[in-house]
Full PDB file with SEQRES, HELIX, SHEET, SSBOND, CRYST1, ORIGX, SCALE, CONECT and MASTER records, all heavy atoms in Angstrom:
SEQRES   1 A   33  MET ILE PRO VAL LYS ALA HIS SER GLN ARG ILE PRO GLY          
SEQRES   2 A   33  LYS ASN MET LYS PRO PHE TYR ASP GLY THR PRO LEU LEU          
SEQRES   3 A   33  THR LEU ILE GLN LYS VAL CYS                                  
HELIX    1 AA1 LEU A   25  VAL A   32  1                                   8    
CRYST1    1.000    1.000    1.000  90.00  90.00  90.00 P 1           1          
ORIGX1      1.000000  0.000000  0.000000        0.00000                         
ORIGX2      0.000000  1.000000  0.000000        0.00000                         
ORIGX3      0.000000  0.000000  1.000000        0.00000                         
SCALE1      1.000000  0.000000  0.000000        0.00000                         
SCALE2      0.000000  1.000000  0.000000        0.00000                         
SCALE3      0.000000  0.000000  1.000000        0.00000                         
ATOM      1  N   MET A   1      -0.600   5.684  10.085  1.00  0.00           N  
ATOM      2  CA  MET A   1      -0.362   6.929  10.636  1.00  0.00           C  
ATOM      3  C   MET A   1       0.811   7.588   9.920  1.00  0.00           C  
ATOM      4  O   MET A   1       1.872   7.073   9.826  1.00  0.00           O  
ATOM      5  CB  MET A   1      -0.077   6.815  12.223  1.00  0.00           C  
ATOM      6  CG  MET A   1      -1.175   6.107  13.034  1.00  0.00           C  
ATOM      7  SD  MET A   1      -2.488   7.173  13.033  1.00  0.00           S  
ATOM      8  CE  MET A   1      -1.866   8.460  14.136  1.00  0.00           C  
ATOM      9  N   ILE A   2       0.580   8.883   9.568  1.00  0.00           N  
ATOM     10  CA  ILE A   2       1.728   9.585   8.860  1.00  0.00           C  
ATOM     11  C   ILE A   2       2.018  10.802   9.809  1.00  0.00           C  
ATOM     12  O   ILE A   2       1.371  11.874   9.676  1.00  0.00           O  
ATOM     13  CB  ILE A   2       1.250  10.011   7.454  1.00  0.00           C  
ATOM     14  CG1 ILE A   2       0.752   8.822   6.601  1.00  0.00           C  
ATOM     15  CG2 ILE A   2       2.465  10.805   6.685  1.00  0.00           C  
ATOM     16  CD1 ILE A   2       0.146   9.249   5.299  1.00  0.00           C  
ATOM     17  N   PRO A   3       3.040  10.761  10.474  1.00  0.00           N  
ATOM     18  CA  PRO A   3       3.539  11.897  11.321  1.00  0.00           C  
ATOM     19  C   PRO A   3       4.385  12.845  10.411  1.00  0.00           C  
ATOM     20  O   PRO A   3       5.186  12.319   9.636  1.00  0.00           O  
ATOM     21  CB  PRO A   3       4.400  11.308  12.364  1.00  0.00           C  
ATOM     22  CG  PRO A   3       4.984  10.141  11.742  1.00  0.00           C  
ATOM     23  CD  PRO A   3       3.868   9.620  10.716  1.00  0.00           C  
ATOM     24  N   VAL A   4       4.114  14.089  10.411  1.00  0.00           N  
ATOM     25  CA  VAL A   4       4.631  15.159   9.613  1.00  0.00           C  
ATOM     26  C   VAL A   4       5.456  16.119  10.432  1.00  0.00           C  
ATOM     27  O   VAL A   4       4.726  16.761  11.272  1.00  0.00           O  
ATOM     28  CB  VAL A   4       3.689  15.699   8.664  1.00  0.00           C  
ATOM     29  CG1 VAL A   4       4.429  16.825   7.776  1.00  0.00           C  
ATOM     30  CG2 VAL A   4       2.900  14.688   7.826  1.00  0.00           C  
ATOM     31  N   LYS A   5       6.581  16.436  10.157  1.00  0.00           N  
ATOM     32  CA  LYS A   5       7.338  17.394  10.837  1.00  0.00           C  
ATOM     33  C   LYS A   5       7.430  18.617   9.855  1.00  0.00           C  
ATOM     34  O   LYS A   5       7.901  18.472   8.749  1.00  0.00           O  
ATOM     35  CB  LYS A   5       8.810  17.004  11.082  1.00  0.00           C  
ATOM     36  CG  LYS A   5       9.558  17.934  11.891  1.00  0.00           C  
ATOM     37  CD  LYS A   5      10.903  17.445  12.392  1.00  0.00           C  
ATOM     38  CE  LYS A   5      11.696  18.423  13.108  1.00  0.00           C  
ATOM     39  NZ  LYS A   5      12.968  17.875  13.508  1.00  0.00           N  
ATOM     40  N   ALA A   6       6.804  19.807  10.241  1.00  0.00           N  
ATOM     41  CA  ALA A   6       6.705  20.913   9.416  1.00  0.00           C  
ATOM     42  C   ALA A   6       7.966  21.657   9.132  1.00  0.00           C  
ATOM     43  O   ALA A   6       8.178  22.228   8.132  1.00  0.00           O  
ATOM     44  CB  ALA A   6       5.587  21.856   9.932  1.00  0.00           C  
ATOM     45  N   HIS A   7       8.844  21.582  10.189  1.00  0.00           N  
ATOM     46  CA  HIS A   7      10.067  22.411  10.111  1.00  0.00           C  
ATOM     47  C   HIS A   7      11.281  21.641  10.220  1.00  0.00           C  
ATOM     48  O   HIS A   7      11.826  21.377  11.328  1.00  0.00           O  
ATOM     49  CB  HIS A   7      10.042  23.470  11.240  1.00  0.00           C  
ATOM     50  CG  HIS A   7       8.795  24.369  11.115  1.00  0.00           C  
ATOM     51  ND1 HIS A   7       8.563  25.262  10.098  1.00  0.00           N  
ATOM     52  CD2 HIS A   7       7.758  24.324  11.989  1.00  0.00           C  
ATOM     53  CE1 HIS A   7       7.518  25.803  10.257  1.00  0.00           C  
ATOM     54  NE2 HIS A   7       6.917  25.432  11.349  1.00  0.00           N  
ATOM     55  N   SER A   8      11.784  21.012   9.158  1.00  0.00           N  
ATOM     56  CA  SER A   8      13.001  20.165   9.170  1.00  0.00           C  
ATOM     57  C   SER A   8      14.169  21.046   9.295  1.00  0.00           C  
ATOM     58  O   SER A   8      14.196  22.152   8.779  1.00  0.00           O  
ATOM     59  CB  SER A   8      13.106  19.382   7.831  1.00  0.00           C  
ATOM     60  OG  SER A   8      14.236  18.656   7.697  1.00  0.00           O  
ATOM     61  N   GLN A   9      15.140  20.596   9.978  1.00  0.00           N  
ATOM     62  CA  GLN A   9      16.408  21.458  10.211  1.00  0.00           C  
ATOM     63  C   GLN A   9      17.318  21.374   8.967  1.00  0.00           C  
ATOM     64  O   GLN A   9      17.854  22.360   8.550  1.00  0.00           O  
ATOM     65  CB  GLN A   9      17.144  20.986  11.452  1.00  0.00           C  
ATOM     66  CG  GLN A   9      16.417  21.210  12.698  1.00  0.00           C  
ATOM     67  CD  GLN A   9      17.194  20.727  13.880  1.00  0.00           C  
ATOM     68  OE1 GLN A   9      18.225  20.061  13.757  1.00  0.00           O  
ATOM     69  NE2 GLN A   9      16.591  21.069  15.083  1.00  0.00           N  
ATOM     70  N   ARG A  10      17.487  20.232   8.426  1.00  0.00           N  
ATOM     71  CA  ARG A  10      18.313  20.077   7.117  1.00  0.00           C  
ATOM     72  C   ARG A  10      17.816  20.524   5.749  1.00  0.00           C  
ATOM     73  O   ARG A  10      18.349  21.171   5.077  1.00  0.00           O  
ATOM     74  CB  ARG A  10      18.872  18.621   7.128  1.00  0.00           C  
ATOM     75  CG  ARG A  10      19.817  18.266   8.129  1.00  0.00           C  
ATOM     76  CD  ARG A  10      20.280  16.818   8.006  1.00  0.00           C  
ATOM     77  NE  ARG A  10      19.099  15.950   8.376  1.00  0.00           N  
ATOM     78  CZ  ARG A  10      19.184  14.705   8.270  1.00  0.00           C  
ATOM     79  NH1 ARG A  10      20.162  14.030   7.691  1.00  0.00           N  
ATOM     80  NH2 ARG A  10      18.175  13.970   8.628  1.00  0.00           N  
ATOM     81  N   ILE A  11      16.511  20.181   5.712  1.00  0.00           N  
ATOM     82  CA  ILE A  11      15.812  20.591   4.415  1.00  0.00           C  
ATOM     83  C   ILE A  11      14.487  21.266   4.814  1.00  0.00           C  
ATOM     84  O   ILE A  11      13.418  20.605   5.054  1.00  0.00           O  
ATOM     85  CB  ILE A  11      15.528  19.371   3.433  1.00  0.00           C  
ATOM     86  CG1 ILE A  11      16.813  18.666   3.188  1.00  0.00           C  
ATOM     87  CG2 ILE A  11      14.854  19.830   2.226  1.00  0.00           C  
ATOM     88  CD1 ILE A  11      16.577  17.353   2.411  1.00  0.00           C  
ATOM     89  N   PRO A  12      14.428  22.598   4.900  1.00  0.00           N  
ATOM     90  CA  PRO A  12      13.312  23.347   5.468  1.00  0.00           C  
ATOM     91  C   PRO A  12      12.095  23.058   4.505  1.00  0.00           C  
ATOM     92  O   PRO A  12      12.163  23.055   3.394  1.00  0.00           O  
ATOM     93  CB  PRO A  12      13.671  24.725   5.371  1.00  0.00           C  
ATOM     94  CG  PRO A  12      15.231  24.766   5.509  1.00  0.00           C  
ATOM     95  CD  PRO A  12      15.581  23.509   4.786  1.00  0.00           C  
ATOM     96  N   GLY A  13      11.017  22.663   5.130  1.00  0.00           N  
ATOM     97  CA  GLY A  13       9.754  22.505   4.404  1.00  0.00           C  
ATOM     98  C   GLY A  13       9.725  21.298   3.493  1.00  0.00           C  
ATOM     99  O   GLY A  13       8.996  21.273   2.508  1.00  0.00           O  
ATOM    100  N   LYS A  14      10.618  20.194   3.823  1.00  0.00           N  
ATOM    101  CA  LYS A  14      10.796  19.209   2.814  1.00  0.00           C  
ATOM    102  C   LYS A  14       9.484  18.377   2.556  1.00  0.00           C  
ATOM    103  O   LYS A  14       9.288  17.824   1.491  1.00  0.00           O  
ATOM    104  CB  LYS A  14      11.748  18.194   3.272  1.00  0.00           C  
ATOM    105  CG  LYS A  14      11.417  17.324   4.423  1.00  0.00           C  
ATOM    106  CD  LYS A  14      12.538  16.323   4.845  1.00  0.00           C  
ATOM    107  CE  LYS A  14      12.196  15.571   6.059  1.00  0.00           C  
ATOM    108  NZ  LYS A  14      13.275  14.757   6.584  1.00  0.00           N  
ATOM    109  N   ASN A  15       8.658  18.245   3.505  1.00  0.00           N  
ATOM    110  CA  ASN A  15       7.286  17.516   3.265  1.00  0.00           C  
ATOM    111  C   ASN A  15       6.365  18.231   2.456  1.00  0.00           C  
ATOM    112  O   ASN A  15       5.352  17.700   1.822  1.00  0.00           O  
ATOM    113  CB  ASN A  15       6.660  17.183   4.572  1.00  0.00           C  
ATOM    114  CG  ASN A  15       7.541  16.164   5.329  1.00  0.00           C  
ATOM    115  OD1 ASN A  15       7.857  15.083   4.846  1.00  0.00           O  
ATOM    116  ND2 ASN A  15       7.840  16.476   6.702  1.00  0.00           N  
ATOM    117  N   MET A  16       6.576  19.542   2.332  1.00  0.00           N  
ATOM    118  CA  MET A  16       5.674  20.338   1.447  1.00  0.00           C  
ATOM    119  C   MET A  16       6.318  20.663   0.016  1.00  0.00           C  
ATOM    120  O   MET A  16       5.684  21.259  -0.696  1.00  0.00           O  
ATOM    121  CB  MET A  16       5.189  21.587   2.150  1.00  0.00           C  
ATOM    122  CG  MET A  16       4.152  21.358   3.311  1.00  0.00           C  
ATOM    123  SD  MET A  16       4.809  20.557   4.776  1.00  0.00           S  
ATOM    124  CE  MET A  16       5.812  21.755   5.423  1.00  0.00           C  
ATOM    125  N   LYS A  17       7.552  20.404  -0.149  1.00  0.00           N  
ATOM    126  CA  LYS A  17       8.217  20.737  -1.439  1.00  0.00           C  
ATOM    127  C   LYS A  17       7.684  19.887  -2.492  1.00  0.00           C  
ATOM    128  O   LYS A  17       7.480  18.657  -2.329  1.00  0.00           O  
ATOM    129  CB  LYS A  17       9.736  20.535  -1.203  1.00  0.00           C  
ATOM    130  CG  LYS A  17      10.511  21.616  -0.473  1.00  0.00           C  
ATOM    131  CD  LYS A  17      11.976  21.460  -0.599  1.00  0.00           C  
ATOM    132  CE  LYS A  17      12.791  22.437   0.312  1.00  0.00           C  
ATOM    133  NZ  LYS A  17      12.591  23.756  -0.257  1.00  0.00           N  
ATOM    134  N   PRO A  18       7.614  20.470  -3.684  1.00  0.00           N  
ATOM    135  CA  PRO A  18       7.135  19.748  -4.745  1.00  0.00           C  
ATOM    136  C   PRO A  18       8.165  18.667  -5.292  1.00  0.00           C  
ATOM    137  O   PRO A  18       9.316  18.967  -5.259  1.00  0.00           O  
ATOM    138  CB  PRO A  18       6.880  20.787  -5.906  1.00  0.00           C  
ATOM    139  CG  PRO A  18       7.365  22.058  -5.308  1.00  0.00           C  
ATOM    140  CD  PRO A  18       7.679  21.939  -3.926  1.00  0.00           C  
ATOM    141  N   PHE A  19       7.604  17.545  -5.635  1.00  0.00           N  
ATOM    142  CA  PHE A  19       8.472  16.465  -6.090  1.00  0.00           C  
ATOM    143  C   PHE A  19       8.606  16.582  -7.651  1.00  0.00           C  
ATOM    144  O   PHE A  19       8.290  17.716  -8.275  1.00  0.00           O  
ATOM    145  CB  PHE A  19       7.811  15.207  -5.733  1.00  0.00           C  
ATOM    146  CG  PHE A  19       8.820  14.258  -4.957  1.00  0.00           C  
ATOM    147  CD1 PHE A  19       9.375  14.617  -3.750  1.00  0.00           C  
ATOM    148  CD2 PHE A  19       9.143  12.999  -5.454  1.00  0.00           C  
ATOM    149  CE1 PHE A  19      10.178  13.826  -3.115  1.00  0.00           C  
ATOM    150  CE2 PHE A  19       9.986  12.173  -4.786  1.00  0.00           C  
ATOM    151  CZ  PHE A  19      10.511  12.523  -3.542  1.00  0.00           C  
ATOM    152  N   TYR A  20       9.004  15.486  -8.297  1.00  0.00           N  
ATOM    153  CA  TYR A  20       9.241  15.540  -9.765  1.00  0.00           C  
ATOM    154  C   TYR A  20       8.071  16.072 -10.522  1.00  0.00           C  
ATOM    155  O   TYR A  20       8.209  16.664 -11.575  1.00  0.00           O  
ATOM    156  CB  TYR A  20       9.573  14.074 -10.240  1.00  0.00           C  
ATOM    157  CG  TYR A  20       8.468  13.156 -10.221  1.00  0.00           C  
ATOM    158  CD1 TYR A  20       7.717  12.830 -11.255  1.00  0.00           C  
ATOM    159  CD2 TYR A  20       8.317  12.484  -8.847  1.00  0.00           C  
ATOM    160  CE1 TYR A  20       6.619  11.817 -11.184  1.00  0.00           C  
ATOM    161  CE2 TYR A  20       7.277  11.514  -8.840  1.00  0.00           C  
ATOM    162  CZ  TYR A  20       6.495  11.238  -9.869  1.00  0.00           C  
ATOM    163  OH  TYR A  20       5.473  10.299  -9.779  1.00  0.00           O  
ATOM    164  N   ASP A  21       6.820  15.797 -10.212  1.00  0.00           N  
ATOM    165  CA  ASP A  21       5.756  16.190 -10.980  1.00  0.00           C  
ATOM    166  C   ASP A  21       4.978  17.413 -10.385  1.00  0.00           C  
ATOM    167  O   ASP A  21       3.840  17.772 -10.773  1.00  0.00           O  
ATOM    168  CB  ASP A  21       4.684  15.106 -11.197  1.00  0.00           C  
ATOM    169  CG  ASP A  21       4.051  14.637  -9.924  1.00  0.00           C  
ATOM    170  OD1 ASP A  21       4.474  15.069  -8.804  1.00  0.00           O  
ATOM    171  OD2 ASP A  21       3.121  13.757  -9.917  1.00  0.00           O  
ATOM    172  N   GLY A  22       5.490  18.062  -9.437  1.00  0.00           N  
ATOM    173  CA  GLY A  22       4.954  19.252  -8.778  1.00  0.00           C  
ATOM    174  C   GLY A  22       4.041  18.860  -7.521  1.00  0.00           C  
ATOM    175  O   GLY A  22       3.562  19.732  -6.805  1.00  0.00           O  
ATOM    176  N   THR A  23       3.942  17.557  -7.210  1.00  0.00           N  
ATOM    177  CA  THR A  23       3.173  17.069  -6.029  1.00  0.00           C  
ATOM    178  C   THR A  23       4.123  17.098  -4.821  1.00  0.00           C  
ATOM    179  O   THR A  23       5.175  16.601  -4.900  1.00  0.00           O  
ATOM    180  CB  THR A  23       2.775  15.615  -6.338  1.00  0.00           C  
ATOM    181  OG1 THR A  23       1.939  15.562  -7.606  1.00  0.00           O  
ATOM    182  CG2 THR A  23       1.893  15.133  -5.136  1.00  0.00           C  
ATOM    183  N   PRO A  24       3.632  17.632  -3.736  1.00  0.00           N  
ATOM    184  CA  PRO A  24       4.392  17.679  -2.477  1.00  0.00           C  
ATOM    185  C   PRO A  24       4.561  16.294  -2.078  1.00  0.00           C  
ATOM    186  O   PRO A  24       3.819  15.313  -2.137  1.00  0.00           O  
ATOM    187  CB  PRO A  24       3.435  18.489  -1.492  1.00  0.00           C  
ATOM    188  CG  PRO A  24       2.425  19.142  -2.330  1.00  0.00           C  
ATOM    189  CD  PRO A  24       2.300  18.359  -3.568  1.00  0.00           C  
ATOM    190  N   LEU A  25       5.702  16.076  -1.318  1.00  0.00           N  
ATOM    191  CA  LEU A  25       6.142  14.835  -0.859  1.00  0.00           C  
ATOM    192  C   LEU A  25       4.999  14.175   0.087  1.00  0.00           C  
ATOM    193  O   LEU A  25       4.570  12.981  -0.026  1.00  0.00           O  
ATOM    194  CB  LEU A  25       7.418  14.982  -0.018  1.00  0.00           C  
ATOM    195  CG  LEU A  25       7.894  13.559   0.650  1.00  0.00           C  
ATOM    196  CD1 LEU A  25       8.252  12.519  -0.299  1.00  0.00           C  
ATOM    197  CD2 LEU A  25       9.283  14.005   1.429  1.00  0.00           C  
ATOM    198  N   LEU A  26       4.407  14.977   0.972  1.00  0.00           N  
ATOM    199  CA  LEU A  26       3.337  14.572   1.826  1.00  0.00           C  
ATOM    200  C   LEU A  26       2.256  13.864   1.104  1.00  0.00           C  
ATOM    201  O   LEU A  26       1.719  12.823   1.367  1.00  0.00           O  
ATOM    202  CB  LEU A  26       2.826  15.611   2.739  1.00  0.00           C  
ATOM    203  CG  LEU A  26       1.585  15.403   3.597  1.00  0.00           C  
ATOM    204  CD1 LEU A  26       1.940  14.165   4.535  1.00  0.00           C  
ATOM    205  CD2 LEU A  26       1.124  16.539   4.346  1.00  0.00           C  
ATOM    206  N   THR A  27       1.779  14.547  -0.025  1.00  0.00           N  
ATOM    207  CA  THR A  27       0.711  14.097  -0.939  1.00  0.00           C  
ATOM    208  C   THR A  27       1.021  12.663  -1.493  1.00  0.00           C  
ATOM    209  O   THR A  27       0.154  11.791  -1.580  1.00  0.00           O  
ATOM    210  CB  THR A  27       0.276  15.105  -1.903  1.00  0.00           C  
ATOM    211  OG1 THR A  27       0.017  16.330  -1.332  1.00  0.00           O  
ATOM    212  CG2 THR A  27      -0.774  14.629  -2.761  1.00  0.00           C  
ATOM    213  N   LEU A  28       2.217  12.584  -1.929  1.00  0.00           N  
ATOM    214  CA  LEU A  28       2.685  11.273  -2.433  1.00  0.00           C  
ATOM    215  C   LEU A  28       2.583  10.077  -1.618  1.00  0.00           C  
ATOM    216  O   LEU A  28       2.122   9.075  -1.780  1.00  0.00           O  
ATOM    217  CB  LEU A  28       4.107  11.316  -3.102  1.00  0.00           C  
ATOM    218  CG  LEU A  28       4.290  12.275  -4.312  1.00  0.00           C  
ATOM    219  CD1 LEU A  28       5.791  12.335  -4.589  1.00  0.00           C  
ATOM    220  CD2 LEU A  28       3.626  11.680  -5.447  1.00  0.00           C  
ATOM    221  N   ILE A  29       3.084  10.462  -0.307  1.00  0.00           N  
ATOM    222  CA  ILE A  29       2.927   9.384   0.767  1.00  0.00           C  
ATOM    223  C   ILE A  29       1.508   9.071   1.091  1.00  0.00           C  
ATOM    224  O   ILE A  29       1.095   7.916   1.282  1.00  0.00           O  
ATOM    225  CB  ILE A  29       3.679   9.927   2.027  1.00  0.00           C  
ATOM    226  CG1 ILE A  29       5.194  10.067   1.808  1.00  0.00           C  
ATOM    227  CG2 ILE A  29       3.424   8.994   3.242  1.00  0.00           C  
ATOM    228  CD1 ILE A  29       5.845  10.870   2.797  1.00  0.00           C  
ATOM    229  N   GLN A  30       0.551  10.057   1.147  1.00  0.00           N  
ATOM    230  CA  GLN A  30      -0.805   9.916   1.431  1.00  0.00           C  
ATOM    231  C   GLN A  30      -1.489   9.011   0.303  1.00  0.00           C  
ATOM    232  O   GLN A  30      -2.153   8.094   0.632  1.00  0.00           O  
ATOM    233  CB  GLN A  30      -1.490  11.237   1.457  1.00  0.00           C  
ATOM    234  CG  GLN A  30      -1.186  11.994   2.739  1.00  0.00           C  
ATOM    235  CD  GLN A  30      -1.938  13.346   2.569  1.00  0.00           C  
ATOM    236  OE1 GLN A  30      -3.115  13.413   2.888  1.00  0.00           O  
ATOM    237  NE2 GLN A  30      -1.247  14.335   2.156  1.00  0.00           N  
ATOM    238  N   LYS A  31      -1.137   9.280  -0.962  1.00  0.00           N  
ATOM    239  CA  LYS A  31      -1.801   8.530  -2.060  1.00  0.00           C  
ATOM    240  C   LYS A  31      -1.271   7.020  -1.997  1.00  0.00           C  
ATOM    241  O   LYS A  31      -2.219   6.191  -2.160  1.00  0.00           O  
ATOM    242  CB  LYS A  31      -1.288   9.176  -3.326  1.00  0.00           C  
ATOM    243  CG  LYS A  31      -1.977  10.378  -3.738  1.00  0.00           C  
ATOM    244  CD  LYS A  31      -1.494  10.888  -5.112  1.00  0.00           C  
ATOM    245  CE  LYS A  31      -2.124  12.225  -5.520  1.00  0.00           C  
ATOM    246  NZ  LYS A  31      -1.784  12.649  -6.755  1.00  0.00           N  
ATOM    247  N   VAL A  32      -0.105   6.853  -1.705  1.00  0.00           N  
ATOM    248  CA  VAL A  32       0.280   5.362  -1.500  1.00  0.00           C  
ATOM    249  C   VAL A  32      -0.419   4.658  -0.482  1.00  0.00           C  
ATOM    250  O   VAL A  32      -0.868   3.593  -0.576  1.00  0.00           O  
ATOM    251  CB  VAL A  32       1.866   5.288  -1.219  1.00  0.00           C  
ATOM    252  CG1 VAL A  32       2.256   3.834  -0.858  1.00  0.00           C  
ATOM    253  CG2 VAL A  32       2.550   5.763  -2.495  1.00  0.00           C  
ATOM    254  N   CYS A  33      -0.596   5.391   0.704  1.00  0.00           N  
ATOM    255  CA  CYS A  33      -1.314   4.765   1.899  1.00  0.00           C  
ATOM    256  C   CYS A  33      -2.777   4.482   1.524  1.00  0.00           C  
ATOM    257  O   CYS A  33      -3.443   3.438   1.771  1.00  0.00           O  
ATOM    258  CB  CYS A  33      -1.199   5.504   3.051  1.00  0.00           C  
ATOM    259  SG  CYS A  33       0.456   5.615   3.760  1.00  0.00           S  
TER     260      CYS A  33                                                      
MASTER        0    0    0    1    0    0    0    6  259    1    0    3          
END                                                                             
């Protein structure tokens, strides 16, 4: 189960922000699972 908070207070949109290769954090977590 991957709970995602869409509106982070400290880093807005952190789960949708592109990571090192342009892939959103949420997508990286999903791929691992």
